[in-house]
Amino acid sequence: MKRRPEFTTEQFREYWNGHQFTSLIERIAAQKNGATLYAKKHGSNESFDGVLEYRWDDTSHLNTLTESQQGRALADEMLDYQRQFVHITDSTAFFVEG
């Protein structure tokens, strides 16, 4: 994830480490098979400000979450929160199976 250009690294970290973000991660993790969050500490030469990683044991668990009304509501809530401090269009999201 890339921080919004008007945010300092410290301001980004305040949102990243904030209770609301942690609570959202925990609520998503509680839906199916866990999620992992970490923020890489970095210098000014890195191409990102943070990495948010979710892991599911099986893609069917991810599908169950995204197909449920509660799962979609959580995803919308997470995106709304991230829009406050993440430069969404400069950030990358991807899924891998393996």
C-alpha atoms as a PDB file:
ATOM      1  CA  MET A   1       0.000   0.000   0.000  1.00  0.00           C
ATOM      2  CA  LYS A   2       1.062   3.540  -0.695  1.00  0.00           C
ATOM      3  CA  ARG A   3       0.144   6.383   1.602  1.00  0.00           C
ATOM      4  CA  ARG A   4      -1.762   9.361   0.323  1.00  0.00           C
ATOM      5  CA  PRO A   5       0.680  12.059  -0.824  1.00  0.00           C
ATOM      6  CA  GLU A   6      -0.455  14.559   1.809  1.00  0.00           C
ATOM      7  CA  PHE A   7       0.376  12.101   4.614  1.00  0.00           C
ATOM      8  CA  THR A   8       3.741  11.742   6.281  1.00  0.00           C
ATOM      9  CA  THR A   9       5.009   8.277   7.109  1.00  0.00           C
ATOM     10  CA  GLU A  10       4.172   8.953  10.744  1.00  0.00           C
ATOM     11  CA  GLN A  11       0.587   9.955   9.904  1.00  0.00           C
ATOM     12  CA  PHE A  12       0.194   6.820   7.783  1.00  0.00           C
ATOM     13  CA  ARG A  13       1.431   4.696  10.715  1.00  0.00           C
ATOM     14  CA  GLU A  14      -1.086   6.326  13.066  1.00  0.00           C
ATOM     15  CA  TYR A  15      -3.938   5.048  10.883  1.00  0.00           C
ATOM     16  CA  TRP A  16      -2.155   1.750  10.161  1.00  0.00           C
ATOM     17  CA  ASN A  17      -1.569   1.002  13.832  1.00  0.00           C
ATOM     18  CA  GLY A  18      -4.888   2.439  14.969  1.00  0.00           C
ATOM     19  CA  HIS A  19      -7.595   0.587  16.845  1.00  0.00           C
ATOM     20  CA  GLN A  20     -10.134   0.866  14.013  1.00  0.00           C
ATOM     21  CA  PHE A  21      -7.798  -0.779  11.483  1.00  0.00           C
ATOM     22  CA  THR A  22      -6.839  -3.544  13.914  1.00  0.00           C
ATOM     23  CA  SER A  23     -10.497  -4.130  14.735  1.00  0.00           C
ATOM     24  CA  LEU A  24     -11.390  -4.462  11.050  1.00  0.00           C
ATOM     25  CA  ILE A  25      -8.586  -6.989  10.521  1.00  0.00           C
ATOM     26  CA  GLU A  26      -9.748  -9.026  13.516  1.00  0.00           C
ATOM     27  CA  ARG A  27     -13.374  -8.977  12.345  1.00  0.00           C
ATOM     28  CA  ILE A  28     -12.375 -10.161   8.876  1.00  0.00           C
ATOM     29  CA  ALA A  29     -10.122 -12.857  10.346  1.00  0.00           C
ATOM     30  CA  ALA A  30     -12.964 -14.079  12.554  1.00  0.00           C
ATOM     31  CA  GLN A  31     -15.078 -14.798   9.472  1.00  0.00           C
ATOM     32  CA  LYS A  32     -12.874 -17.543   8.022  1.00  0.00           C
ATOM     33  CA  ASN A  33      -9.492 -19.095   8.788  1.00  0.00           C
ATOM     34  CA  GLY A  34      -7.505 -16.077   9.884  1.00  0.00           C
ATOM     35  CA  ALA A  35      -5.829 -13.072   8.448  1.00  0.00           C
ATOM     36  CA  THR A  36      -2.362 -11.732   8.961  1.00  0.00           C
ATOM     37  CA  LEU A  37      -1.445  -8.070   9.102  1.00  0.00           C
ATOM     38  CA  TYR A  38       2.012  -6.637   9.096  1.00  0.00           C
ATOM     39  CA  ALA A  39       3.552  -3.293   8.259  1.00  0.00           C
ATOM     40  CA  LYS A  40       7.075  -3.336   6.956  1.00  0.00           C
ATOM     41  CA  LYS A  41       9.289  -0.698   8.501  1.00  0.00           C
ATOM     42  CA  HIS A  42      11.234   0.859   5.719  1.00  0.00           C
ATOM     43  CA  GLY A  43      13.393   3.684   4.510  1.00  0.00           C
ATOM     44  CA  SER A  44      12.548   6.267   1.899  1.00  0.00           C
ATOM     45  CA  ASN A  45      13.702   4.018  -0.974  1.00  0.00           C
ATOM     46  CA  GLU A  46      10.930   1.454  -0.584  1.00  0.00           C
ATOM     47  CA  SER A  47       8.105   1.421  -3.121  1.00  0.00           C
ATOM     48  CA  PHE A  48       5.373   0.874  -0.511  1.00  0.00           C
ATOM     49  CA  ASP A  49       4.342   2.068   2.932  1.00  0.00           C
ATOM     50  CA  GLY A  50       2.671  -1.081   4.197  1.00  0.00           C
ATOM     51  CA  VAL A  51       1.608  -4.571   3.212  1.00  0.00           C
ATOM     52  CA  LEU A  52      -1.710  -6.032   4.261  1.00  0.00           C
ATOM     53  CA  GLU A  53      -1.806  -9.777   3.845  1.00  0.00           C
ATOM     54  CA  TYR A  54      -4.753 -12.093   4.347  1.00  0.00           C
ATOM     55  CA  ARG A  55      -4.286 -15.832   4.170  1.00  0.00           C
ATOM     56  CA  TRP A  56      -6.958 -18.461   3.862  1.00  0.00           C
ATOM     57  CA  ASP A  57      -6.343 -22.189   3.945  1.00  0.00           C
ATOM     58  CA  ASP A  58      -8.561 -22.707   0.921  1.00  0.00           C
ATOM     59  CA  THR A  59      -9.939 -20.358  -1.721  1.00  0.00           C
ATOM     60  CA  SER A  60     -13.438 -21.650  -1.021  1.00  0.00           C
ATOM     61  CA  HIS A  61     -13.229 -19.956   2.392  1.00  0.00           C
ATOM     62  CA  LEU A  62     -12.392 -16.659   0.699  1.00  0.00           C
ATOM     63  CA  ASN A  63     -15.285 -17.169  -1.705  1.00  0.00           C
ATOM     64  CA  THR A  64     -17.652 -17.847   1.191  1.00  0.00           C
ATOM     65  CA  LEU A  65     -16.584 -14.616   2.836  1.00  0.00           C
ATOM     66  CA  THR A  66     -16.872 -12.457  -0.292  1.00  0.00           C
ATOM     67  CA  GLU A  67     -20.237 -13.937  -1.214  1.00  0.00           C
ATOM     68  CA  SER A  68     -21.821 -13.224   2.161  1.00  0.00           C
ATOM     69  CA  GLN A  69     -23.584  -9.974   2.968  1.00  0.00           C
ATOM     70  CA  GLN A  70     -21.503  -9.592   6.141  1.00  0.00           C
ATOM     71  CA  GLY A  71     -18.272 -10.238   4.231  1.00  0.00           C
ATOM     72  CA  ARG A  72     -19.104  -7.636   1.588  1.00  0.00           C
ATOM     73  CA  ALA A  73     -20.031  -5.133   4.302  1.00  0.00           C
ATOM     74  CA  LEU A  74     -16.677  -5.717   6.028  1.00  0.00           C
ATOM     75  CA  ALA A  75     -14.818  -5.287   2.737  1.00  0.00           C
ATOM     76  CA  ASP A  76     -16.669  -2.017   2.085  1.00  0.00           C
ATOM     77  CA  GLU A  77     -15.900  -0.825   5.610  1.00  0.00           C
ATOM     78  CA  MET A  78     -12.207  -1.678   5.171  1.00  0.00           C
ATOM     79  CA  LEU A  79     -12.044   0.167   1.849  1.00  0.00           C
ATOM     80  CA  ASP A  80     -13.764   3.224   3.332  1.00  0.00           C
ATOM     81  CA  TYR A  81     -11.245   3.257   6.181  1.00  0.00           C
ATOM     82  CA  GLN A  82      -8.261   2.758   3.872  1.00  0.00           C
ATOM     83  CA  ARG A  83      -9.370   5.613   1.638  1.00  0.00           C
ATOM     84  CA  GLN A  84      -8.616   7.955   4.534  1.00  0.00           C
ATOM     85  CA  PHE A  85      -4.859   7.269   4.432  1.00  0.00           C
ATOM     86  CA  VAL A  86      -4.049   4.934   1.513  1.00  0.00           C
ATOM     87  CA  HIS A  87      -3.530   6.150  -2.043  1.00  0.00           C
ATOM     88  CA  ILE A  88      -5.795   3.482  -3.507  1.00  0.00           C
ATOM     89  CA  THR A  89      -4.933   4.017  -7.185  1.00  0.00           C
ATOM     90  CA  ASP A  90      -1.180   3.812  -6.452  1.00  0.00           C
ATOM     91  CA  SER A  91      -1.587   0.667  -4.355  1.00  0.00           C
ATOM     92  CA  THR A  92      -1.680  -2.918  -5.558  1.00  0.00           C
ATOM     93  CA  ALA A  93      -3.943  -5.759  -4.534  1.00  0.00           C
ATOM     94  CA  PHE A  94      -3.611  -9.325  -5.721  1.00  0.00           C
ATOM     95  CA  PHE A  95      -4.601 -12.871  -4.859  1.00  0.00           C
ATOM     96  CA  VAL A  96      -2.403 -15.930  -5.086  1.00  0.00           C
ATOM     97  CA  GLU A  97      -3.195 -19.563  -4.591  1.00  0.00           C
ATOM     98  CA  GLY A  98      -0.590 -21.976  -3.681  1.00  0.00           C
END
